[in-house]
Amino acid sequence: MIGSLLFLALAAAPELLLPPWPLSPDGDVVAVRGAESLRAEGGAVEPVAPGLYRVAPAEGAAEVRLAAGAATALARVEPPPATVSISFSPASPVKGRHREVALEIAVAAVPGGEPERRPPEILASSGRVRGIVPAGEGRFRGVFELPPTRHPEVAVLIALSPRCPTCPTPRAVGYALVPLSAAIALPGTSDPGVKTTVVIGGRSFGPAVADRAGRFTIPVVVPPGARAGIAESVDALGNRRRKEVDLHLPAVSRIGCEVWPRAVPADGRSRAAVWCVASSAAGEGEPDARLALSARAGEISPAAPFRGALQRAAYRAPRGGGGADARILAEYPDGGPASRDEVRLSLATGAPAEIVADVPGQPVALGATVPAQTAVRDGNGDVVGRPAGRPGATVGFVAPDRFVAPGEPGDYVARAPLAFAL
């Protein structure tokens, strides 16, 4: 009898079951075997299912103390993201002279972690990154293709090494600002024989001598941020004249953003991280840039400084609306009206929860073909797919939008099977 009571007591004692790795900063699932609920010090607890809880560590927490009844455990939290460093060659790429830039990427390991072996995700605000391949432990090479536009600008490259496909906080994150100058032929007019020199961004170009019609062209290189130059003309008598030359350049964006993960369930709980970098007109990072973020679906927090000029915002998915994109707009008002970037986040539907079918205008005449509507919906009511009858069916729901009534009366009730495959 005593042994049976002891067994029952031991069986009723709660037990904490933790994952075999440190808790993710985004939260991990912890199980409790027994009737006790889970409590946490240094983190928040959210019930997921009977006996399952999602534990989200507090910002900057290195560990979380867990308790369920008399059972306790200390869970370590994975360190903050390490750094991704990006260098490029040539160091001063010029549109019109260079088509590609070689990238060298170094992904630092978190303390106590293994060197990263998977290529990082890299997004460019302008142009394209391709061909990322390993080049040693934690090192990678790639190519940045310059955009086809001719004006000078600053390209923002944001790189991250994800912890997992659905984890907002990466193992490592970093950025690079690539100033893209532009080589152009600057035309002008003057008196025939006059020599003209143009100074742009502190560099002197020319001189060029005006032809008999007074026309001349000077090859120049315009760096990002330069809006005008100074032209100095000298005639045959040595008379000098200086004037400002408007380069008539378009306004360009000075912000670039990335989002991870790039798809989340539209369940009202799932989260993503939005990373943004703003720059000066010349290509210097702006750590104190005031950014304005908005989302057409879901919620997004204000951007907060993270490291250097890199800023981070937290996005939470809406409940419902799966199958569409949540467009997140980031604006840098101090950078001018062109300083805006939009990232798209796919909202995934949930698991199929119900199949519905509707045939308007019942009763349907024998043998008639009428419009119909069928749908497979998830728990939020979002459409997952459109079911129909078996392949080759000639009666019933021959298509998701079409119903064919039987030709014979029978019992005057049509039973039409529906099939749907994920």
Protein backbone atom coordinates (compact mmCIF):
# COMPACT_ATOMS: atom_id res chain seq x y z
CA MET A 1 0.00 0.00 0.00
CA ILE A 2 2.77 2.42 0.95
CA GLY A 3 4.59 1.60 -2.28
CA SER A 4 1.46 2.33 -4.31
CA LEU A 5 0.99 5.69 -2.58
CA LEU A 6 4.64 6.59 -3.14
CA PHE A 7 4.26 5.74 -6.84
CA LEU A 8 1.19 7.93 -7.12
CA ALA A 9 2.95 10.79 -5.36
CA LEU A 10 5.95 10.55 -7.69
CA ALA A 11 3.69 10.33 -10.73
CA ALA A 12 1.83 13.46 -9.65
CA ALA A 13 5.03 15.48 -9.07
CA PRO A 14 5.48 18.05 -11.85
CA GLU A 15 8.43 17.78 -14.21
CA LEU A 16 9.91 20.48 -16.45
CA LEU A 17 10.98 19.44 -19.96
CA LEU A 18 13.25 22.00 -21.63
CA PRO A 19 14.66 22.02 -25.17
CA PRO A 20 18.27 20.72 -25.37
CA TRP A 21 19.53 24.11 -26.59
CA PRO A 22 19.51 27.61 -25.05
CA LEU A 23 16.21 29.43 -25.24
CA SER A 24 15.76 31.57 -28.31
CA PRO A 25 15.45 35.31 -27.64
CA ASP A 26 12.18 35.00 -29.59
CA GLY A 27 10.85 32.31 -27.26
CA ASP A 28 10.81 28.52 -27.10
CA VAL A 29 8.33 25.87 -26.04
CA VAL A 30 8.70 24.29 -22.58
CA ALA A 31 6.63 21.31 -21.44
CA VAL A 32 5.31 20.63 -17.94
CA ARG A 33 4.45 17.05 -17.04
CA GLY A 34 1.87 17.25 -14.29
CA ALA A 35 -1.04 19.46 -13.36
CA GLU A 36 0.98 22.50 -12.27
CA SER A 37 1.17 25.65 -14.40
CA LEU A 38 4.49 27.18 -15.44
CA ARG A 39 5.95 30.34 -13.90
CA ALA A 40 9.00 32.29 -15.10
CA GLU A 41 11.37 34.86 -13.64
CA GLY A 42 13.19 36.82 -16.36
CA GLY A 43 10.68 36.04 -19.07
CA ALA A 44 7.02 35.82 -20.06
CA VAL A 45 4.94 32.63 -20.22
CA GLU A 46 2.15 32.01 -22.74
CA PRO A 47 0.08 28.79 -22.73
CA VAL A 48 0.16 27.02 -26.09
CA ALA A 49 -1.62 23.73 -25.36
CA PRO A 50 -2.30 21.62 -22.27
CA GLY A 51 1.11 21.13 -20.65
CA LEU A 52 2.91 23.27 -23.24
CA TYR A 53 4.05 26.86 -22.73
CA ARG A 54 5.94 29.36 -24.83
CA VAL A 55 8.65 31.09 -22.78
CA ALA A 56 9.87 34.43 -24.15
CA PRO A 57 12.98 35.74 -22.36
CA ALA A 58 12.98 39.38 -21.29
CA GLU A 59 15.00 41.79 -23.42
CA GLY A 60 18.68 41.27 -22.71
CA ALA A 61 18.10 38.37 -20.28
CA ALA A 62 20.92 35.81 -20.10
CA GLU A 63 18.82 33.21 -18.28
CA VAL A 64 15.23 32.46 -17.23
CA ARG A 65 14.24 30.76 -13.97
CA LEU A 66 11.33 28.38 -14.46
CA ALA A 67 9.11 26.77 -11.84
CA ALA A 68 6.08 24.48 -11.81
CA GLY A 69 5.04 23.48 -8.32
CA ALA A 70 8.18 22.19 -6.58
CA ALA A 71 10.03 21.60 -9.87
CA THR A 72 12.50 24.31 -10.90
CA ALA A 73 14.96 24.79 -13.73
CA LEU A 74 17.40 27.43 -14.98
CA ALA A 75 17.26 27.92 -18.73
CA ARG A 76 20.09 29.72 -20.51
CA VAL A 77 19.22 32.21 -23.27
CA GLU A 78 21.11 32.31 -26.54
CA PRO A 79 23.44 35.35 -26.73
CA PRO A 80 22.48 38.41 -28.80
CA PRO A 81 23.20 38.25 -32.53
CA ALA A 82 26.85 38.34 -33.55
CA THR A 83 28.12 40.59 -36.33
CA VAL A 84 28.17 40.10 -40.09
CA SER A 85 30.92 42.18 -41.71
CA ILE A 86 30.82 43.04 -45.42
CA SER A 87 33.75 44.47 -47.39
CA PHE A 88 33.74 45.20 -51.11
CA SER A 89 36.18 45.76 -53.96
CA PRO A 90 36.64 48.14 -55.66
CA ALA A 91 36.17 50.37 -52.64
CA SER A 92 34.72 53.20 -54.78
CA PRO A 93 32.63 51.63 -57.54
CA VAL A 94 31.54 53.88 -60.39
CA LYS A 95 28.48 53.40 -62.55
CA GLY A 96 29.49 53.42 -66.18
CA ARG A 97 32.87 51.85 -65.35
CA HIS A 98 32.01 48.93 -63.09
CA ARG A 99 29.19 46.43 -63.48
CA GLU A 100 30.00 44.24 -60.48
CA VAL A 101 31.57 44.53 -57.05
CA ALA A 102 33.26 41.62 -55.26
CA LEU A 103 31.99 41.02 -51.74
CA GLU A 104 33.83 39.48 -48.79
CA ILE A 105 31.50 38.46 -45.96
CA ALA A 106 32.57 37.40 -42.45
CA VAL A 107 29.98 35.94 -40.08
CA ALA A 108 31.14 35.99 -36.46
CA ALA A 109 30.10 33.08 -34.26
CA VAL A 110 28.17 33.72 -31.05
CA PRO A 111 30.20 33.01 -27.89
CA GLY A 112 30.55 29.27 -27.51
CA GLY A 113 28.92 28.64 -30.89
CA GLU A 114 30.11 26.88 -34.01
CA PRO A 115 31.35 28.84 -37.06
CA GLU A 116 28.55 29.59 -39.51
CA ARG A 117 28.58 27.31 -42.55
CA ARG A 118 25.41 28.44 -44.30
CA PRO A 119 25.57 31.51 -46.56
CA PRO A 120 23.85 34.53 -45.01
CA GLU A 121 20.76 36.15 -46.48
CA ILE A 122 21.76 39.46 -48.11
CA LEU A 123 19.33 42.03 -49.51
CA ALA A 124 20.36 45.13 -51.47
CA SER A 125 18.24 48.29 -51.52
CA SER A 126 19.46 48.90 -55.08
CA GLY A 127 21.14 46.43 -57.39
CA ARG A 128 21.36 42.71 -56.67
CA VAL A 129 23.51 40.33 -54.63
CA ARG A 130 24.19 36.89 -56.08
CA GLY A 131 26.56 33.93 -55.95
CA ILE A 132 27.22 33.76 -52.20
CA VAL A 133 29.59 30.80 -51.68
CA PRO A 134 31.67 29.57 -48.72
CA ALA A 135 35.26 30.77 -48.49
CA GLY A 136 36.35 29.21 -45.19
CA GLU A 137 34.90 28.90 -41.70
CA GLY A 138 32.46 31.73 -41.19
CA ARG A 139 33.60 33.41 -44.42
CA PHE A 140 31.85 33.80 -47.76
CA ARG A 141 32.31 35.47 -51.12
CA GLY A 142 29.71 36.96 -53.41
CA VAL A 143 28.97 39.49 -56.12
CA PHE A 144 27.02 42.73 -55.96
CA GLU A 145 25.62 43.76 -59.33
CA LEU A 146 25.31 47.53 -59.68
CA PRO A 147 21.84 48.81 -60.59
CA PRO A 148 21.25 49.83 -64.22
CA THR A 149 20.36 53.41 -63.26
CA ARG A 150 22.91 56.10 -64.20
CA HIS A 151 22.62 58.50 -61.27
CA PRO A 152 24.83 58.33 -58.13
CA GLU A 153 23.30 56.76 -55.03
CA VAL A 154 24.07 54.74 -51.90
CA ALA A 155 23.22 51.03 -51.89
CA VAL A 156 22.31 49.50 -48.53
CA LEU A 157 23.28 45.85 -48.05
CA ILE A 158 21.74 44.08 -45.03
CA ALA A 159 22.99 40.58 -44.19
CA LEU A 160 21.71 38.13 -41.62
CA SER A 161 22.29 34.50 -40.68
CA PRO A 162 18.94 33.10 -39.53
CA ARG A 163 18.68 30.89 -36.45
CA CYS A 164 15.82 29.06 -38.15
CA PRO A 165 13.34 29.69 -41.00
CA THR A 166 10.78 31.22 -38.62
CA CYS A 167 13.04 32.89 -36.00
CA PRO A 168 12.93 36.71 -36.06
CA THR A 169 16.22 37.09 -34.16
CA PRO A 170 19.19 35.90 -36.27
CA ARG A 171 22.44 34.35 -35.12
CA ALA A 172 24.31 37.24 -36.75
CA VAL A 173 23.38 40.44 -38.55
CA GLY A 174 25.23 43.32 -40.21
CA TYR A 175 25.18 45.83 -43.02
CA ALA A 176 27.31 47.75 -45.52
CA LEU A 177 26.80 51.07 -47.24
CA VAL A 178 28.14 51.08 -50.80
CA PRO A 179 28.52 54.61 -52.27
CA LEU A 180 27.95 54.39 -56.02
CA SER A 181 29.42 57.27 -58.03
CA ALA A 182 28.41 57.87 -61.64
CA ALA A 183 30.66 58.54 -64.62
CA ILE A 184 28.92 60.91 -67.03
CA ALA A 185 29.81 63.22 -69.91
CA LEU A 186 28.88 66.71 -68.74
CA PRO A 187 27.98 68.99 -71.66
CA GLY A 188 28.29 72.78 -71.65
CA THR A 189 28.48 75.89 -73.77
CA SER A 190 30.86 78.83 -73.76
CA ASP A 191 32.64 81.10 -76.18
CA PRO A 192 34.75 79.29 -78.76
CA GLY A 193 38.25 78.50 -77.53
CA VAL A 194 37.43 79.01 -73.83
CA LYS A 195 38.86 76.41 -71.46
CA THR A 196 36.50 75.12 -68.78
CA THR A 197 37.27 73.10 -65.66
CA VAL A 198 34.59 71.62 -63.40
CA VAL A 199 34.99 70.79 -59.71
CA ILE A 200 32.55 68.21 -58.30
CA GLY A 201 32.80 66.72 -54.84
CA GLY A 202 36.28 68.18 -54.33
CA ARG A 203 37.68 66.68 -57.57
CA SER A 204 38.66 68.70 -60.63
CA PHE A 205 37.80 67.56 -64.17
CA GLY A 206 38.99 69.01 -67.47
CA PRO A 207 39.91 71.41 -68.85
CA ALA A 208 37.87 71.10 -72.04
CA VAL A 209 38.12 73.61 -74.89
CA ALA A 210 34.91 74.86 -76.49
CA ASP A 211 34.68 74.18 -80.24
CA ARG A 212 33.79 76.73 -82.94
CA ALA A 213 30.13 76.43 -81.96
CA GLY A 214 30.98 77.03 -78.30
CA ARG A 215 30.16 73.48 -77.22
CA PHE A 216 32.26 71.25 -74.97
CA THR A 217 31.96 68.02 -73.01
CA ILE A 218 33.84 67.08 -69.83
CA PRO A 219 33.96 63.49 -68.52
CA VAL A 220 33.23 63.70 -64.78
CA VAL A 221 32.60 61.35 -61.87
CA VAL A 222 29.74 62.44 -59.61
CA PRO A 223 29.79 61.00 -56.07
CA PRO A 224 26.62 60.41 -54.03
CA GLY A 225 25.40 63.57 -52.35
CA ALA A 226 26.77 65.96 -54.96
CA ARG A 227 23.99 68.08 -56.43
CA ALA A 228 26.04 70.75 -58.19
CA GLY A 229 29.54 71.58 -59.41
CA ILE A 230 31.63 74.71 -59.91
CA ALA A 231 32.66 75.54 -63.47
CA GLU A 232 35.66 77.83 -64.02
CA SER A 233 36.22 79.22 -67.51
CA VAL A 234 39.39 80.89 -68.78
CA ASP A 235 39.48 82.74 -72.13
CA ALA A 236 42.51 83.49 -74.31
CA LEU A 237 43.20 86.73 -72.43
CA GLY A 238 43.28 84.98 -69.05
CA ASN A 239 39.91 86.25 -67.86
CA ARG A 240 38.33 83.85 -65.39
CA ARG A 241 34.69 83.25 -64.63
CA ARG A 242 33.17 80.90 -62.06
CA LYS A 243 29.58 79.73 -61.79
CA GLU A 244 27.61 76.95 -60.16
CA VAL A 245 26.42 74.13 -62.40
CA ASP A 246 23.22 72.30 -61.47
CA LEU A 247 23.72 68.59 -62.23
CA HIS A 248 19.93 67.97 -62.41
CA LEU A 249 20.13 64.71 -60.47
CA PRO A 250 17.01 62.91 -59.26
CA ALA A 251 16.24 62.52 -55.57
CA VAL A 252 17.31 59.10 -54.30
CA SER A 253 16.34 56.94 -51.35
CA ARG A 254 18.66 56.92 -48.35
CA ILE A 255 17.13 53.95 -46.54
CA GLY A 256 17.13 50.20 -47.03
CA CYS A 257 15.27 47.50 -45.07
CA GLU A 258 15.03 43.72 -44.74
CA VAL A 259 12.52 41.47 -42.96
CA TRP A 260 12.95 38.02 -41.47
CA PRO A 261 11.25 35.63 -41.60
CA ARG A 262 9.79 36.47 -44.99
CA ALA A 263 6.59 34.52 -44.30
CA VAL A 264 4.60 34.06 -41.08
CA PRO A 265 1.20 32.52 -40.25
CA ALA A 266 -1.68 34.99 -40.03
CA ASP A 267 -2.46 33.77 -36.51
CA GLY A 268 -2.27 37.02 -34.50
CA ARG A 269 0.83 35.78 -32.62
CA SER A 270 3.68 35.13 -35.06
CA ARG A 271 6.40 37.73 -35.27
CA ALA A 272 9.09 38.99 -37.63
CA ALA A 273 11.97 41.44 -37.30
CA VAL A 274 12.38 44.40 -39.64
CA TRP A 275 15.94 45.70 -40.03
CA CYS A 276 16.62 49.16 -41.51
CA VAL A 277 19.67 51.31 -42.23
CA ALA A 278 19.58 55.01 -43.13
CA SER A 279 22.51 56.91 -44.60
CA SER A 280 23.65 60.44 -45.23
CA ALA A 281 23.59 61.73 -48.80
CA ALA A 282 27.30 60.88 -49.12
CA GLY A 283 26.93 57.34 -47.75
CA GLU A 284 27.71 57.59 -44.05
CA GLY A 285 25.53 55.66 -41.61
CA GLU A 286 22.98 57.62 -39.58
CA PRO A 287 22.65 55.89 -36.17
CA ASP A 288 20.20 58.50 -34.87
CA ALA A 289 17.96 58.57 -37.93
CA ARG A 290 14.27 58.94 -37.08
CA LEU A 291 12.39 56.34 -39.07
CA ALA A 292 8.63 56.00 -39.55
CA LEU A 293 7.35 52.46 -40.07
CA SER A 294 3.83 51.34 -40.92
CA ALA A 295 2.17 48.07 -41.94
CA ARG A 296 -0.97 47.54 -44.01
CA ALA A 297 -1.79 44.40 -42.04
CA GLY A 298 -0.63 43.48 -38.56
CA GLU A 299 1.25 45.65 -36.09
CA ILE A 300 4.76 47.06 -36.13
CA SER A 301 6.70 48.71 -33.34
CA PRO A 302 8.81 51.88 -33.68
CA ALA A 303 12.34 51.27 -34.95
CA ALA A 304 14.98 51.19 -32.23
CA PRO A 305 18.79 51.49 -32.54
CA PHE A 306 20.49 48.10 -32.55
CA ARG A 307 24.12 48.37 -33.65
CA GLY A 308 25.77 51.21 -35.53
CA ALA A 309 23.30 52.58 -38.06
CA LEU A 310 21.27 49.35 -37.96
CA GLN A 311 17.80 49.71 -36.46
CA ARG A 312 15.26 47.02 -35.60
CA ALA A 313 11.46 46.94 -35.35
CA ALA A 314 9.17 44.11 -34.26
CA TYR A 315 6.26 43.02 -36.44
CA ARG A 316 3.28 40.95 -35.28
CA ALA A 317 1.01 39.21 -37.78
CA PRO A 318 -2.72 39.89 -37.91
CA ARG A 319 -5.28 37.24 -37.05
CA GLY A 320 -6.70 36.40 -40.45
CA GLY A 321 -5.79 37.67 -43.88
CA GLY A 322 -3.66 34.67 -44.85
CA GLY A 323 -2.77 34.22 -48.49
CA ALA A 324 -1.85 37.90 -48.96
CA ASP A 325 1.21 40.07 -48.33
CA ALA A 326 1.74 42.40 -45.41
CA ARG A 327 3.48 45.39 -46.95
CA ILE A 328 5.69 47.23 -44.49
CA LEU A 329 6.68 50.79 -45.39
CA ALA A 330 9.75 52.45 -43.87
CA GLU A 331 10.31 56.18 -44.36
CA TYR A 332 13.23 58.45 -43.47
CA PRO A 333 11.70 61.95 -43.52
CA ASP A 334 15.01 63.76 -42.95
CA GLY A 335 16.38 62.04 -46.03
CA GLY A 336 13.77 63.62 -48.31
CA PRO A 337 10.53 62.32 -49.86
CA ALA A 338 12.38 59.68 -51.91
CA SER A 339 13.80 58.05 -48.77
CA ARG A 340 11.34 55.20 -48.41
CA ASP A 341 11.55 51.44 -48.75
CA GLU A 342 8.85 48.80 -48.79
CA VAL A 343 9.36 45.18 -47.79
CA ARG A 344 6.83 42.43 -48.32
CA LEU A 345 6.03 39.74 -45.80
CA SER A 346 3.87 36.79 -46.88
CA LEU A 347 1.00 35.92 -44.57
CA ALA A 348 0.40 32.17 -44.62
CA THR A 349 -2.96 30.54 -44.05
CA GLY A 350 -3.46 28.02 -41.27
CA ALA A 351 -4.36 24.33 -41.42
CA PRO A 352 -7.65 23.40 -43.14
CA ALA A 353 -10.50 23.56 -40.64
CA GLU A 354 -13.69 23.29 -42.72
CA ILE A 355 -14.99 22.65 -46.22
CA VAL A 356 -17.96 24.72 -47.34
CA ALA A 357 -20.06 24.60 -50.51
CA ASP A 358 -22.91 26.75 -51.76
CA VAL A 359 -25.24 26.25 -54.71
CA PRO A 360 -27.44 29.35 -55.05
CA GLY A 361 -30.96 29.15 -56.35
CA GLN A 362 -31.92 25.75 -55.03
CA PRO A 363 -33.72 23.59 -55.97
CA VAL A 364 -31.72 22.96 -59.15
CA ALA A 365 -33.49 21.53 -62.20
CA LEU A 366 -32.61 17.96 -63.14
CA GLY A 367 -29.58 17.87 -65.44
CA ALA A 368 -28.97 21.62 -65.09
CA THR A 369 -25.52 23.20 -64.77
CA VAL A 370 -25.42 26.14 -62.36
CA PRO A 371 -22.78 28.35 -60.73
CA ALA A 372 -21.42 27.18 -57.38
CA GLN A 373 -18.92 28.20 -54.74
CA THR A 374 -16.68 25.90 -52.73
CA ALA A 375 -13.90 26.67 -50.29
CA VAL A 376 -11.57 25.14 -47.74
CA ARG A 377 -11.05 27.56 -44.86
CA ASP A 378 -8.66 27.64 -41.94
CA GLY A 379 -9.62 28.45 -38.35
CA ASN A 380 -9.56 32.21 -39.11
CA GLY A 381 -11.88 31.88 -42.10
CA ASP A 382 -9.12 32.43 -44.68
CA VAL A 383 -9.47 30.41 -47.87
CA VAL A 384 -6.85 27.65 -48.10
CA GLY A 385 -8.08 26.19 -51.40
CA ARG A 386 -11.03 25.38 -53.63
CA PRO A 387 -12.27 21.78 -53.54
CA ALA A 388 -14.15 20.02 -56.33
CA GLY A 389 -15.50 16.58 -57.15
CA ARG A 390 -13.36 13.62 -58.10
CA PRO A 391 -11.32 14.00 -61.32
CA GLY A 392 -13.48 13.28 -64.33
CA ALA A 393 -16.77 13.72 -62.45
CA THR A 394 -19.74 14.59 -64.68
CA VAL A 395 -22.26 15.11 -61.90
CA GLY A 396 -21.98 17.17 -58.75
CA PHE A 397 -19.20 19.73 -58.24
CA VAL A 398 -17.42 19.18 -61.55
CA ALA A 399 -15.38 22.33 -60.78
CA PRO A 400 -15.04 24.61 -57.72
CA ASP A 401 -17.38 27.10 -59.41
CA ARG A 402 -19.76 24.76 -61.23
CA PHE A 403 -22.40 22.20 -60.13
CA VAL A 404 -24.17 19.71 -62.42
CA ALA A 405 -27.44 18.23 -61.12
CA PRO A 406 -28.28 14.54 -61.72
CA GLY A 407 -30.47 13.83 -64.74
CA GLU A 408 -32.70 11.33 -62.91
CA PRO A 409 -34.90 12.28 -59.93
CA GLY A 410 -33.88 9.52 -57.51
CA ASP A 411 -34.78 10.76 -54.04
CA TYR A 412 -34.46 14.36 -55.20
CA VAL A 413 -31.40 14.91 -52.97
CA ALA A 414 -27.96 15.12 -54.66
CA ARG A 415 -25.00 13.91 -52.64
CA ALA A 416 -21.85 15.43 -54.15
CA PRO A 417 -18.46 14.45 -52.72
CA LEU A 418 -15.71 17.09 -52.52
CA ALA A 419 -11.95 16.48 -52.59
CA PHE A 420 -9.09 18.78 -51.67
CA ALA A 421 -5.35 18.12 -51.62
CA LEU A 422 -2.74 20.25 -49.91
